[in-house]
Amino acid sequence: MKLLSFFKYVALIYIGTICYVIAAYYHLIMKNKWSFLNAFMIAIPIVIIEYTFSLHGNHYLHNELDYSAMDILIMTICFYFINLWLLNYFVLKNKVTNVYKEIFCFVLIICAFLTTTVIK
């Protein structure tokens, strides 16, 4: 039962990170077509959705499953990394120049997560 709750709450955080990445970085595809006001008016509703999902996921992971704020933060950073990589590769069509460096950084983040959550 705890495992199902864990995945449900992690999914809330993951959906929140998707919204954040879209709000913060998607405008890069538009080049110089967006003014600050346009970007602001499009990003704010997406950030509100992101905040709602992330807030509920963080709250439930902390209060019901006893994850620390650091555990949740490292998990969220992993999701940001995955979503930014997907956006960069599939939407912005940027080549990945040094795959090994990115994989190495991601492995270090995963190790930090495992160190703070599993290895006690």
PDB file of N, CA and C in Angstrom:
ATOM      1  N   MET A   1       0.821  -1.199   0.000  1.00  0.00           N
ATOM      2  CA  MET A   1       0.000   0.000   0.000  1.00  0.00           C
ATOM      3  C   MET A   1       0.867   1.267   0.000  1.00  0.00           C
ATOM      4  N   LYS A   2       1.972   1.203   0.774  1.00  0.00           N
ATOM      5  CA  LYS A   2       2.859   2.372   0.807  1.00  0.00           C
ATOM      6  C   LYS A   2       3.514   2.610  -0.538  1.00  0.00           C
ATOM      7  N   LEU A   3       3.820   1.524  -1.260  1.00  0.00           N
ATOM      8  CA  LEU A   3       4.458   1.667  -2.559  1.00  0.00           C
ATOM      9  C   LEU A   3       3.518   2.346  -3.550  1.00  0.00           C
ATOM     10  N   LEU A   4       2.245   1.980  -3.516  1.00  0.00           N
ATOM     11  CA  LEU A   4       1.263   2.616  -4.395  1.00  0.00           C
ATOM     12  C   LEU A   4       1.116   4.094  -4.046  1.00  0.00           C
ATOM     13  N   SER A   5       1.080   4.414  -2.761  1.00  0.00           N
ATOM     14  CA  SER A   5       1.006   5.811  -2.339  1.00  0.00           C
ATOM     15  C   SER A   5       2.255   6.570  -2.779  1.00  0.00           C
ATOM     16  N   PHE A   6       3.418   5.933  -2.656  1.00  0.00           N
ATOM     17  CA  PHE A   6       4.663   6.573  -3.063  1.00  0.00           C
ATOM     18  C   PHE A   6       4.610   6.958  -4.535  1.00  0.00           C
ATOM     19  N   PHE A   7       4.216   6.009  -5.392  1.00  0.00           N
ATOM     20  CA  PHE A   7       4.172   6.300  -6.826  1.00  0.00           C
ATOM     21  C   PHE A   7       3.119   7.351  -7.168  1.00  0.00           C
ATOM     22  N   LYS A   8       2.021   7.359  -6.443  1.00  0.00           N
ATOM     23  CA  LYS A   8       0.983   8.363  -6.683  1.00  0.00           C
ATOM     24  C   LYS A   8       1.507   9.757  -6.358  1.00  0.00           C
ATOM     25  N   TYR A   9       2.194   9.899  -5.254  1.00  0.00           N
ATOM     26  CA  TYR A   9       2.699  11.210  -4.842  1.00  0.00           C
ATOM     27  C   TYR A   9       3.891  11.648  -5.695  1.00  0.00           C
ATOM     28  N   VAL A  10       4.715  10.678  -6.085  1.00  0.00           N
ATOM     29  CA  VAL A  10       5.835  10.997  -6.970  1.00  0.00           C
ATOM     30  C   VAL A  10       5.306  11.435  -8.337  1.00  0.00           C
ATOM     31  N   ALA A  11       4.221  10.820  -8.783  1.00  0.00           N
ATOM     32  CA  ALA A  11       3.618  11.228 -10.060  1.00  0.00           C
ATOM     33  C   ALA A  11       3.126  12.671  -9.991  1.00  0.00           C
ATOM     34  N   LEU A  12       2.588  13.087  -8.848  1.00  0.00           N
ATOM     35  CA  LEU A  12       2.179  14.491  -8.691  1.00  0.00           C
ATOM     36  C   LEU A  12       3.378  15.422  -8.853  1.00  0.00           C
ATOM     37  N   ILE A  13       4.484  15.068  -8.224  1.00  0.00           N
ATOM     38  CA  ILE A  13       5.688  15.893  -8.329  1.00  0.00           C
ATOM     39  C   ILE A  13       6.214  15.883  -9.757  1.00  0.00           C
ATOM     40  N   TYR A  14       6.184  14.729 -10.418  1.00  0.00           N
ATOM     41  CA  TYR A  14       6.678  14.652 -11.795  1.00  0.00           C
ATOM     42  C   TYR A  14       5.832  15.520 -12.734  1.00  0.00           C
ATOM     43  N   ILE A  15       4.534  15.472 -12.582  1.00  0.00           N
ATOM     44  CA  ILE A  15       3.656  16.325 -13.398  1.00  0.00           C
ATOM     45  C   ILE A  15       3.967  17.797 -13.131  1.00  0.00           C
ATOM     46  N   GLY A  16       4.224  18.126 -11.871  1.00  0.00           N
ATOM     47  CA  GLY A  16       4.603  19.494 -11.529  1.00  0.00           C
ATOM     48  C   GLY A  16       5.895  19.922 -12.205  1.00  0.00           C
ATOM     49  N   THR A  17       6.871  19.025 -12.262  1.00  0.00           N
ATOM     50  CA  THR A  17       8.137  19.391 -12.905  1.00  0.00           C
ATOM     51  C   THR A  17       7.977  19.545 -14.415  1.00  0.00           C
ATOM     52  N   ILE A  18       7.092  18.760 -15.004  1.00  0.00           N
ATOM     53  CA  ILE A  18       6.814  18.934 -16.438  1.00  0.00           C
ATOM     54  C   ILE A  18       6.262  20.338 -16.685  1.00  0.00           C
ATOM     55  N   CYS A  19       5.304  20.745 -15.859  1.00  0.00           N
ATOM     56  CA  CYS A  19       4.717  22.087 -16.011  1.00  0.00           C
ATOM     57  C   CYS A  19       5.765  23.172 -15.803  1.00  0.00           C
ATOM     58  N   TYR A  20       6.647  22.982 -14.822  1.00  0.00           N
ATOM     59  CA  TYR A  20       7.678  23.987 -14.566  1.00  0.00           C
ATOM     60  C   TYR A  20       8.621  24.125 -15.757  1.00  0.00           C
ATOM     61  N   VAL A  21       9.058  22.988 -16.289  1.00  0.00           N
ATOM     62  CA  VAL A  21       9.984  23.025 -17.427  1.00  0.00           C
ATOM     63  C   VAL A  21       9.328  23.705 -18.624  1.00  0.00           C
ATOM     64  N   ILE A  22       8.067  23.416 -18.858  1.00  0.00           N
ATOM     65  CA  ILE A  22       7.353  24.076 -19.956  1.00  0.00           C
ATOM     66  C   ILE A  22       7.267  25.579 -19.704  1.00  0.00           C
ATOM     67  N   ALA A  23       6.904  25.956 -18.492  1.00  0.00           N
ATOM     68  CA  ALA A  23       6.765  27.386 -18.176  1.00  0.00           C
ATOM     69  C   ALA A  23       8.100  28.120 -18.246  1.00  0.00           C
ATOM     70  N   ALA A  24       9.170  27.475 -17.824  1.00  0.00           N
ATOM     71  CA  ALA A  24      10.451  28.163 -17.724  1.00  0.00           C
ATOM     72  C   ALA A  24      11.278  28.122 -19.005  1.00  0.00           C
ATOM     73  N   TYR A  25      11.144  27.061 -19.802  1.00  0.00           N
ATOM     74  CA  TYR A  25      12.074  26.884 -20.911  1.00  0.00           C
ATOM     75  C   TYR A  25      11.440  26.769 -22.289  1.00  0.00           C
ATOM     76  N   TYR A  26      10.158  26.507 -22.380  1.00  0.00           N
ATOM     77  CA  TYR A  26       9.556  26.282 -23.692  1.00  0.00           C
ATOM     78  C   TYR A  26       9.638  27.521 -24.579  1.00  0.00           C
ATOM     79  N   HIS A  27       9.630  28.683 -23.970  1.00  0.00           N
ATOM     80  CA  HIS A  27       9.687  29.907 -24.769  1.00  0.00           C
ATOM     81  C   HIS A  27      10.985  30.033 -25.566  1.00  0.00           C
ATOM     82  N   LEU A  28      11.980  29.223 -25.252  1.00  0.00           N
ATOM     83  CA  LEU A  28      13.238  29.270 -26.004  1.00  0.00           C
ATOM     84  C   LEU A  28      13.048  28.872 -27.463  1.00  0.00           C
ATOM     85  N   ILE A  29      12.031  28.096 -27.750  1.00  0.00           N
ATOM     86  CA  ILE A  29      11.766  27.700 -29.129  1.00  0.00           C
ATOM     87  C   ILE A  29      11.231  28.859 -29.961  1.00  0.00           C
ATOM     88  N   MET A  30      10.685  29.861 -29.302  1.00  0.00           N
ATOM     89  CA  MET A  30      10.073  30.979 -30.007  1.00  0.00           C
ATOM     90  C   MET A  30      11.099  32.022 -30.461  1.00  0.00           C
ATOM     91  N   LYS A  31      12.337  31.854 -30.074  1.00  0.00           N
ATOM     92  CA  LYS A  31      13.418  32.798 -30.408  1.00  0.00           C
ATOM     93  C   LYS A  31      13.078  34.211 -29.909  1.00  0.00           C
ATOM     94  N   ASN A  32      12.946  35.196 -30.792  1.00  0.00           N
ATOM     95  CA  ASN A  32      12.720  36.579 -30.361  1.00  0.00           C
ATOM     96  C   ASN A  32      11.270  37.034 -30.512  1.00  0.00           C
ATOM     97  N   LYS A  33      10.342  36.124 -30.618  1.00  0.00           N
ATOM     98  CA  LYS A  33       8.953  36.475 -30.856  1.00  0.00           C
ATOM     99  C   LYS A  33       8.190  36.834 -29.578  1.00  0.00           C
ATOM    100  N   TRP A  34       8.716  36.500 -28.434  1.00  0.00           N
ATOM    101  CA  TRP A  34       7.999  36.717 -27.187  1.00  0.00           C
ATOM    102  C   TRP A  34       8.513  37.947 -26.472  1.00  0.00           C
ATOM    103  N   SER A  35       7.593  38.769 -26.033  1.00  0.00           N
ATOM    104  CA  SER A  35       7.968  39.865 -25.145  1.00  0.00           C
ATOM    105  C   SER A  35       7.885  39.338 -23.716  1.00  0.00           C
ATOM    106  N   PHE A  36       8.374  40.114 -22.794  1.00  0.00           N
ATOM    107  CA  PHE A  36       8.312  39.716 -21.393  1.00  0.00           C
ATOM    108  C   PHE A  36       6.860  39.524 -20.956  1.00  0.00           C
ATOM    109  N   LEU A  37       5.993  40.420 -21.351  1.00  0.00           N
ATOM    110  CA  LEU A  37       4.591  40.338 -20.957  1.00  0.00           C
ATOM    111  C   LEU A  37       3.917  39.085 -21.518  1.00  0.00           C
ATOM    112  N   ASN A  38       4.196  38.737 -22.763  1.00  0.00           N
ATOM    113  CA  ASN A  38       3.630  37.517 -23.336  1.00  0.00           C
ATOM    114  C   ASN A  38       4.114  36.280 -22.582  1.00  0.00           C
ATOM    115  N   ALA A  39       5.401  36.220 -22.337  1.00  0.00           N
ATOM    116  CA  ALA A  39       5.959  35.084 -21.608  1.00  0.00           C
ATOM    117  C   ALA A  39       5.373  34.995 -20.205  1.00  0.00           C
ATOM    118  N   PHE A  40       5.226  36.128 -19.565  1.00  0.00           N
ATOM    119  CA  PHE A  40       4.670  36.176 -18.212  1.00  0.00           C
ATOM    120  C   PHE A  40       3.222  35.681 -18.197  1.00  0.00           C
ATOM    121  N   MET A  41       2.435  36.137 -19.145  1.00  0.00           N
ATOM    122  CA  MET A  41       1.019  35.776 -19.167  1.00  0.00           C
ATOM    123  C   MET A  41       0.807  34.301 -19.510  1.00  0.00           C
ATOM    124  N   ILE A  42       1.713  33.715 -20.253  1.00  0.00           N
ATOM    125  CA  ILE A  42       1.599  32.294 -20.576  1.00  0.00           C
ATOM    126  C   ILE A  42       2.197  31.434 -19.465  1.00  0.00           C
ATOM    127  N   ALA A  43       3.295  31.882 -18.887  1.00  0.00           N
ATOM    128  CA  ALA A  43       3.992  31.069 -17.892  1.00  0.00           C
ATOM    129  C   ALA A  43       3.273  31.018 -16.547  1.00  0.00           C
ATOM    130  N   ILE A  44       2.649  32.093 -16.119  1.00  0.00           N
ATOM    131  CA  ILE A  44       2.047  32.133 -14.781  1.00  0.00           C
ATOM    132  C   ILE A  44       0.962  31.074 -14.587  1.00  0.00           C
ATOM    133  N   PRO A  45       0.014  30.895 -15.494  1.00  0.00           N
ATOM    134  CA  PRO A  45      -0.969  29.822 -15.277  1.00  0.00           C
ATOM    135  C   PRO A  45      -0.326  28.433 -15.210  1.00  0.00           C
ATOM    136  N   ILE A  46       0.708  28.205 -16.031  1.00  0.00           N
ATOM    137  CA  ILE A  46       1.391  26.913 -16.002  1.00  0.00           C
ATOM    138  C   ILE A  46       2.119  26.728 -14.677  1.00  0.00           C
ATOM    139  N   VAL A  47       2.720  27.793 -14.169  1.00  0.00           N
ATOM    140  CA  VAL A  47       3.423  27.714 -12.886  1.00  0.00           C
ATOM    141  C   VAL A  47       2.436  27.475 -11.742  1.00  0.00           C
ATOM    142  N   ILE A  48       1.254  28.030 -11.836  1.00  0.00           N
ATOM    143  CA  ILE A  48       0.239  27.782 -10.801  1.00  0.00           C
ATOM    144  C   ILE A  48      -0.155  26.302 -10.805  1.00  0.00           C
ATOM    145  N   ILE A  49      -0.309  25.725 -11.982  1.00  0.00           N
ATOM    146  CA  ILE A  49      -0.600  24.290 -12.074  1.00  0.00           C
ATOM    147  C   ILE A  49       0.557  23.488 -11.498  1.00  0.00           C
ATOM    148  N   GLU A  50       1.779  23.878 -11.854  1.00  0.00           N
ATOM    149  CA  GLU A  50       2.967  23.205 -11.324  1.00  0.00           C
ATOM    150  C   GLU A  50       3.008  23.273  -9.805  1.00  0.00           C
ATOM    151  N   TYR A  51       2.736  24.429  -9.280  1.00  0.00           N
ATOM    152  CA  TYR A  51       2.774  24.616  -7.831  1.00  0.00           C
ATOM    153  C   TYR A  51       1.739  23.732  -7.145  1.00  0.00           C
ATOM    154  N   THR A  52       0.555  23.626  -7.727  1.00  0.00           N
ATOM    155  CA  THR A  52      -0.509  22.811  -7.138  1.00  0.00           C
ATOM    156  C   THR A  52      -0.100  21.342  -7.079  1.00  0.00           C
ATOM    157  N   PHE A  53       0.393  20.810  -8.190  1.00  0.00           N
ATOM    158  CA  PHE A  53       0.810  19.407  -8.205  1.00  0.00           C
ATOM    159  C   PHE A  53       1.988  19.175  -7.258  1.00  0.00           C
ATOM    160  N   SER A  54       3.010  20.013  -7.354  1.00  0.00           N
ATOM    161  CA  SER A  54       4.201  19.837  -6.518  1.00  0.00           C
ATOM    162  C   SER A  54       3.885  19.986  -5.043  1.00  0.00           C
ATOM    163  N   LEU A  55       3.060  20.958  -4.704  1.00  0.00           N
ATOM    164  CA  LEU A  55       2.708  21.185  -3.308  1.00  0.00           C
ATOM    165  C   LEU A  55       2.026  19.966  -2.705  1.00  0.00           C
ATOM    166  N   HIS A  56       1.068  19.395  -3.422  1.00  0.00           N
ATOM    167  CA  HIS A  56       0.378  18.213  -2.904  1.00  0.00           C
ATOM    168  C   HIS A  56       1.315  17.011  -2.816  1.00  0.00           C
ATOM    169  N   GLY A  57       2.141  16.809  -3.845  1.00  0.00           N
ATOM    170  CA  GLY A  57       3.091  15.704  -3.799  1.00  0.00           C
ATOM    171  C   GLY A  57       4.077  15.846  -2.653  1.00  0.00           C
ATOM    172  N   ASN A  58       4.627  17.046  -2.471  1.00  0.00           N
ATOM    173  CA  ASN A  58       5.561  17.292  -1.367  1.00  0.00           C
ATOM    174  C   ASN A  58       4.896  17.077  -0.021  1.00  0.00           C
ATOM    175  N   HIS A  59       3.689  17.601   0.122  1.00  0.00           N
ATOM    176  CA  HIS A  59       2.958  17.497   1.395  1.00  0.00           C
ATOM    177  C   HIS A  59       2.708  16.034   1.766  1.00  0.00           C
ATOM    178  N   TYR A  60       2.216  15.260   0.821  1.00  0.00           N
ATOM    179  CA  TYR A  60       1.897  13.867   1.117  1.00  0.00           C
ATOM    180  C   TYR A  60       3.146  13.021   1.333  1.00  0.00           C
ATOM    181  N   LEU A  61       4.182  13.250   0.545  1.00  0.00           N
ATOM    182  CA  LEU A  61       5.408  12.483   0.760  1.00  0.00           C
ATOM    183  C   LEU A  61       6.001  12.769   2.136  1.00  0.00           C
ATOM    184  N   HIS A  62       5.949  14.020   2.541  1.00  0.00           N
ATOM    185  CA  HIS A  62       6.513  14.371   3.846  1.00  0.00           C
ATOM    186  C   HIS A  62       5.641  13.883   4.996  1.00  0.00           C
ATOM    187  N   ASN A  63       4.358  14.129   4.929  1.00  0.00           N
ATOM    188  CA  ASN A  63       3.481  13.828   6.068  1.00  0.00           C
ATOM    189  C   ASN A  63       3.037  12.375   6.139  1.00  0.00           C
ATOM    190  N   GLU A  64       2.803  11.729   5.019  1.00  0.00           N
ATOM    191  CA  GLU A  64       2.298  10.358   5.057  1.00  0.00           C
ATOM    192  C   GLU A  64       3.393   9.310   4.937  1.00  0.00           C
ATOM    193  N   LEU A  65       4.442   9.596   4.193  1.00  0.00           N
ATOM    194  CA  LEU A  65       5.499   8.605   3.985  1.00  0.00           C
ATOM    195  C   LEU A  65       6.810   8.986   4.654  1.00  0.00           C
ATOM    196  N   ASP A  66       6.831  10.100   5.362  1.00  0.00           N
ATOM    197  CA  ASP A  66       7.969  10.537   6.175  1.00  0.00           C
ATOM    198  C   ASP A  66       9.256  10.754   5.380  1.00  0.00           C
ATOM    199  N   TYR A  67       9.134  11.310   4.190  1.00  0.00           N
ATOM    200  CA  TYR A  67      10.318  11.712   3.433  1.00  0.00           C
ATOM    201  C   TYR A  67      10.731  13.104   3.892  1.00  0.00           C
ATOM    202  N   SER A  68      12.043  13.323   3.950  1.00  0.00           N
ATOM    203  CA  SER A  68      12.533  14.637   4.367  1.00  0.00           C
ATOM    204  C   SER A  68      12.459  15.606   3.191  1.00  0.00           C
ATOM    205  N   ALA A  69      12.599  16.869   3.500  1.00  0.00           N
ATOM    206  CA  ALA A  69      12.593  17.892   2.453  1.00  0.00           C
ATOM    207  C   ALA A  69      13.754  17.684   1.488  1.00  0.00           C
ATOM    208  N   MET A  70      14.902  17.248   1.985  1.00  0.00           N
ATOM    209  CA  MET A  70      16.061  16.999   1.126  1.00  0.00           C
ATOM    210  C   MET A  70      15.799  15.834   0.179  1.00  0.00           C
ATOM    211  N   ASP A  71      15.161  14.775   0.670  1.00  0.00           N
ATOM    212  CA  ASP A  71      14.816  13.647  -0.193  1.00  0.00           C
ATOM    213  C   ASP A  71      13.911  14.091  -1.339  1.00  0.00           C
ATOM    214  N   ILE A  72      12.914  14.869  -1.003  1.00  0.00           N
ATOM    215  CA  ILE A  72      11.957  15.343  -2.004  1.00  0.00           C
ATOM    216  C   ILE A  72      12.642  16.277  -2.995  1.00  0.00           C
ATOM    217  N   LEU A  73      13.528  17.137  -2.509  1.00  0.00           N
ATOM    218  CA  LEU A  73      14.246  18.058  -3.388  1.00  0.00           C
ATOM    219  C   LEU A  73      15.122  17.313  -4.385  1.00  0.00           C
ATOM    220  N   ILE A  74      15.861  16.329  -3.928  1.00  0.00           N
ATOM    221  CA  ILE A  74      16.740  15.586  -4.824  1.00  0.00           C
ATOM    222  C   ILE A  74      15.913  14.822  -5.859  1.00  0.00           C
ATOM    223  N   MET A  75      14.787  14.259  -5.445  1.00  0.00           N
ATOM    224  CA  MET A  75      13.894  13.592  -6.385  1.00  0.00           C
ATOM    225  C   MET A  75      13.380  14.580  -7.435  1.00  0.00           C
ATOM    226  N   THR A  76      13.011  15.766  -6.995  1.00  0.00           N
ATOM    227  CA  THR A  76      12.511  16.787  -7.908  1.00  0.00           C
ATOM    228  C   THR A  76      13.600  17.224  -8.885  1.00  0.00           C
ATOM    229  N   ILE A  77      14.825  17.351  -8.411  1.00  0.00           N
ATOM    230  CA  ILE A  77      15.943  17.716  -9.287  1.00  0.00           C
ATOM    231  C   ILE A  77      16.162  16.640 -10.344  1.00  0.00           C
ATOM    232  N   CYS A  78      16.024  15.374  -9.965  1.00  0.00           N
ATOM    233  CA  CYS A  78      16.134  14.289 -10.955  1.00  0.00           C
ATOM    234  C   CYS A  78      15.079  14.456 -12.036  1.00  0.00           C
ATOM    235  N   PHE A  79      13.864  14.776 -11.637  1.00  0.00           N
ATOM    236  CA  PHE A  79      12.782  14.966 -12.611  1.00  0.00           C
ATOM    237  C   PHE A  79      13.041  16.180 -13.504  1.00  0.00           C
ATOM    238  N   TYR A  80      13.549  17.260 -12.920  1.00  0.00           N
ATOM    239  CA  TYR A  80      13.895  18.434 -13.736  1.00  0.00           C
ATOM    240  C   TYR A  80      14.933  18.061 -14.785  1.00  0.00           C
ATOM    241  N   PHE A  81      15.941  17.320 -14.363  1.00  0.00           N
ATOM    242  CA  PHE A  81      17.002  16.918 -15.276  1.00  0.00           C
ATOM    243  C   PHE A  81      16.433  16.102 -16.432  1.00  0.00           C
ATOM    244  N   ILE A  82      15.580  15.128 -16.132  1.00  0.00           N
ATOM    245  CA  ILE A  82      14.975  14.287 -17.169  1.00  0.00           C
ATOM    246  C   ILE A  82      14.122  15.133 -18.107  1.00  0.00           C
ATOM    247  N   ASN A  83      13.281  15.974 -17.552  1.00  0.00           N
ATOM    248  CA  ASN A  83      12.379  16.779 -18.378  1.00  0.00           C
ATOM    249  C   ASN A  83      13.125  17.808 -19.229  1.00  0.00           C
ATOM    250  N   LEU A  84      14.157  18.417 -18.666  1.00  0.00           N
ATOM    251  CA  LEU A  84      14.952  19.364 -19.453  1.00  0.00           C
ATOM    252  C   LEU A  84      15.701  18.662 -20.578  1.00  0.00           C
ATOM    253  N   TRP A  85      16.195  17.467 -20.304  1.00  0.00           N
ATOM    254  CA  TRP A  85      16.879  16.724 -21.342  1.00  0.00           C
ATOM    255  C   TRP A  85      15.903  16.380 -22.464  1.00  0.00           C
ATOM    256  N   LEU A  86      14.691  15.921 -22.102  1.00  0.00           N
ATOM    257  CA  LEU A  86      13.679  15.590 -23.111  1.00  0.00           C
ATOM    258  C   LEU A  86      13.278  16.820 -23.926  1.00  0.00           C
ATOM    259  N   LEU A  87      13.081  17.944 -23.246  1.00  0.00           N
ATOM    260  CA  LEU A  87      12.722  19.180 -23.943  1.00  0.00           C
ATOM    261  C   LEU A  87      13.854  19.606 -24.879  1.00  0.00           C
ATOM    262  N   ASN A  88      15.070  19.549 -24.391  1.00  0.00           N
ATOM    263  CA  ASN A  88      16.226  19.960 -25.184  1.00  0.00           C
ATOM    264  C   ASN A  88      16.385  19.082 -26.427  1.00  0.00           C
ATOM    265  N   TYR A  89      16.196  17.792 -26.270  1.00  0.00           N
ATOM    266  CA  TYR A  89      16.443  16.876 -27.374  1.00  0.00           C
ATOM    267  C   TYR A  89      15.275  16.815 -28.360  1.00  0.00           C
ATOM    268  N   PHE A  90      14.044  16.690 -27.858  1.00  0.00           N
ATOM    269  CA  PHE A  90      12.904  16.459 -28.741  1.00  0.00           C
ATOM    270  C   PHE A  90      12.203  17.729 -29.215  1.00  0.00           C
ATOM    271  N   VAL A  91      12.137  18.751 -28.381  1.00  0.00           N
ATOM    272  CA  VAL A  91      11.406  19.957 -28.757  1.00  0.00           C
ATOM    273  C   VAL A  91      12.339  21.021 -29.332  1.00  0.00           C
ATOM    274  N   LEU A  92      13.403  21.335 -28.609  1.00  0.00           N
ATOM    275  CA  LEU A  92      14.336  22.358 -29.073  1.00  0.00           C
ATOM    276  C   LEU A  92      15.296  21.832 -30.144  1.00  0.00           C
ATOM    277  N   LYS A  93      15.355  20.516 -30.297  1.00  0.00           N
ATOM    278  CA  LYS A  93      16.177  19.849 -31.322  1.00  0.00           C
ATOM    279  C   LYS A  93      17.664  20.176 -31.210  1.00  0.00           C
ATOM    280  N   ASN A  94      18.134  20.334 -29.971  1.00  0.00           N
ATOM    281  CA  ASN A  94      19.560  20.568 -29.751  1.00  0.00           C
ATOM    282  C   ASN A  94      20.281  19.235 -29.652  1.00  0.00           C
ATOM    283  N   LYS A  95      21.434  19.171 -30.286  1.00  0.00           N
ATOM    284  CA  LYS A  95      22.233  17.960 -30.211  1.00  0.00           C
ATOM    285  C   LYS A  95      22.840  17.832 -28.823  1.00  0.00           C
ATOM    286  N   VAL A  96      22.937  16.600 -28.364  1.00  0.00           N
ATOM    287  CA  VAL A  96      23.632  16.326 -27.119  1.00  0.00           C
ATOM    288  C   VAL A  96      25.088  16.106 -27.485  1.00  0.00           C
ATOM    289  N   THR A  97      25.943  17.038 -27.080  1.00  0.00           N
ATOM    290  CA  THR A  97      27.343  16.988 -27.499  1.00  0.00           C
ATOM    291  C   THR A  97      28.182  16.056 -26.644  1.00  0.00           C
ATOM    292  N   ASN A  98      27.904  16.004 -25.366  1.00  0.00           N
ATOM    293  CA  ASN A  98      28.695  15.177 -24.478  1.00  0.00           C
ATOM    294  C   ASN A  98      27.762  14.335 -23.619  1.00  0.00           C
ATOM    295  N   VAL A  99      27.305  13.231 -24.171  1.00  0.00           N
ATOM    296  CA  VAL A  99      26.343  12.364 -23.502  1.00  0.00           C
ATOM    297  C   VAL A  99      26.924  11.806 -22.208  1.00  0.00           C
ATOM    298  N   TYR A 100      28.188  11.459 -22.218  1.00  0.00           N
ATOM    299  CA  TYR A 100      28.796  10.839 -21.041  1.00  0.00           C
ATOM    300  C   TYR A 100      28.816  11.792 -19.851  1.00  0.00           C
ATOM    301  N   LYS A 101      29.065  13.053 -20.113  1.00  0.00           N
ATOM    302  CA  LYS A 101      29.068  14.032 -19.025  1.00  0.00           C
ATOM    303  C   LYS A 101      27.668  14.171 -18.425  1.00  0.00           C
ATOM    304  N   GLU A 102      26.660  14.204 -19.262  1.00  0.00           N
ATOM    305  CA  GLU A 102      25.291  14.320 -18.769  1.00  0.00           C
ATOM    306  C   GLU A 102      24.872  13.073 -17.999  1.00  0.00           C
ATOM    307  N   ILE A 103      25.236  11.910 -18.505  1.00  0.00           N
ATOM    308  CA  ILE A 103      24.913  10.662 -17.799  1.00  0.00           C
ATOM    309  C   ILE A 103      25.640  10.616 -16.468  1.00  0.00           C
ATOM    310  N   PHE A 104      26.896  11.023 -16.453  1.00  0.00           N
ATOM    311  CA  PHE A 104      27.667  11.036 -15.211  1.00  0.00           C
ATOM    312  C   PHE A 104      27.022  11.955 -14.164  1.00  0.00           C
ATOM    313  N   CYS A 105      26.603  13.142 -14.590  1.00  0.00           N
ATOM    314  CA  CYS A 105      25.947  14.070 -13.668  1.00  0.00           C
ATOM    315  C   CYS A 105      24.646  13.489 -13.142  1.00  0.00           C
ATOM    316  N   PHE A 106      23.889  12.862 -14.019  1.00  0.00           N
ATOM    317  CA  PHE A 106      22.620  12.272 -13.597  1.00  0.00           C
ATOM    318  C   PHE A 106      22.860  11.113 -12.622  1.00  0.00           C
ATOM    319  N   VAL A 107      23.874  10.308 -12.858  1.00  0.00           N
ATOM    320  CA  VAL A 107      24.199   9.212 -11.945  1.00  0.00           C
ATOM    321  C   VAL A 107      24.582   9.772 -10.576  1.00  0.00           C
ATOM    322  N   LEU A 108      25.320  10.872 -10.546  1.00  0.00           N
ATOM    323  CA  LEU A 108      25.669  11.485  -9.259  1.00  0.00           C
ATOM    324  C   LEU A 108      24.420  11.971  -8.512  1.00  0.00           C
ATOM    325  N   ILE A 109      23.476  12.530  -9.242  1.00  0.00           N
ATOM    326  CA  ILE A 109      22.233  12.974  -8.606  1.00  0.00           C
ATOM    327  C   ILE A 109      21.463  11.775  -8.057  1.00  0.00           C
ATOM    328  N   ILE A 110      21.386  10.689  -8.827  1.00  0.00           N
ATOM    329  CA  ILE A 110      20.712   9.475  -8.363  1.00  0.00           C
ATOM    330  C   ILE A 110      21.422   8.920  -7.123  1.00  0.00           C
ATOM    331  N   CYS A 111      22.745   8.923  -7.136  1.00  0.00           N
ATOM    332  CA  CYS A 111      23.502   8.445  -5.959  1.00  0.00           C
ATOM    333  C   CYS A 111      23.205   9.309  -4.733  1.00  0.00           C
ATOM    334  N   ALA A 112      23.092  10.605  -4.930  1.00  0.00           N
ATOM    335  CA  ALA A 112      22.745  11.484  -3.811  1.00  0.00           C
ATOM    336  C   ALA A 112      21.367  11.150  -3.281  1.00  0.00           C
ATOM    337  N   PHE A 113      20.426  10.904  -4.173  1.00  0.00           N
ATOM    338  CA  PHE A 113      19.080  10.522  -3.740  1.00  0.00           C
ATOM    339  C   PHE A 113      19.103   9.205  -2.972  1.00  0.00           C
ATOM    340  N   LEU A 114      19.791   8.217  -3.504  1.00  0.00           N
ATOM    341  CA  LEU A 114      19.846   6.926  -2.829  1.00  0.00           C
ATOM    342  C   LEU A 114      20.581   7.022  -1.503  1.00  0.00           C
ATOM    343  N   THR A 115      21.597   7.850  -1.438  1.00  0.00           N
ATOM    344  CA  THR A 115      22.338   8.016  -0.189  1.00  0.00           C
ATOM    345  C   THR A 115      21.470   8.637   0.899  1.00  0.00           C
ATOM    346  N   THR A 116      20.650   9.595   0.529  1.00  0.00           N
ATOM    347  CA  THR A 116      19.846  10.265   1.552  1.00  0.00           C
ATOM    348  C   THR A 116      18.574   9.502   1.898  1.00  0.00           C
ATOM    349  N   THR A 117      18.091   8.620   1.022  1.00  0.00           N
ATOM    350  CA  THR A 117      16.819   7.953   1.304  1.00  0.00           C
ATOM    351  C   THR A 117      16.985   6.493   1.702  1.00  0.00           C
ATOM    352  N   VAL A 118      17.765   5.727   0.947  1.00  0.00           N
ATOM    353  CA  VAL A 118      17.842   4.284   1.161  1.00  0.00           C
ATOM    354  C   VAL A 118      18.924   3.909   2.158  1.00  0.00           C
ATOM    355  N   ILE A 119      20.098   4.473   1.991  1.00  0.00           N
ATOM    356  CA  ILE A 119      21.235   4.127   2.825  1.00  0.00           C
ATOM    357  C   ILE A 119      21.210   4.987   4.081  1.00  0.00           C
ATOM    358  N   LYS A 120      20.812   4.403   5.169  1.00  0.00           N
ATOM    359  CA  LYS A 120      20.740   5.162   6.423  1.00  0.00           C
ATOM    360  C   LYS A 120      21.594   4.518   7.480  1.00  0.00           C
TER     361      LYS A 120
END
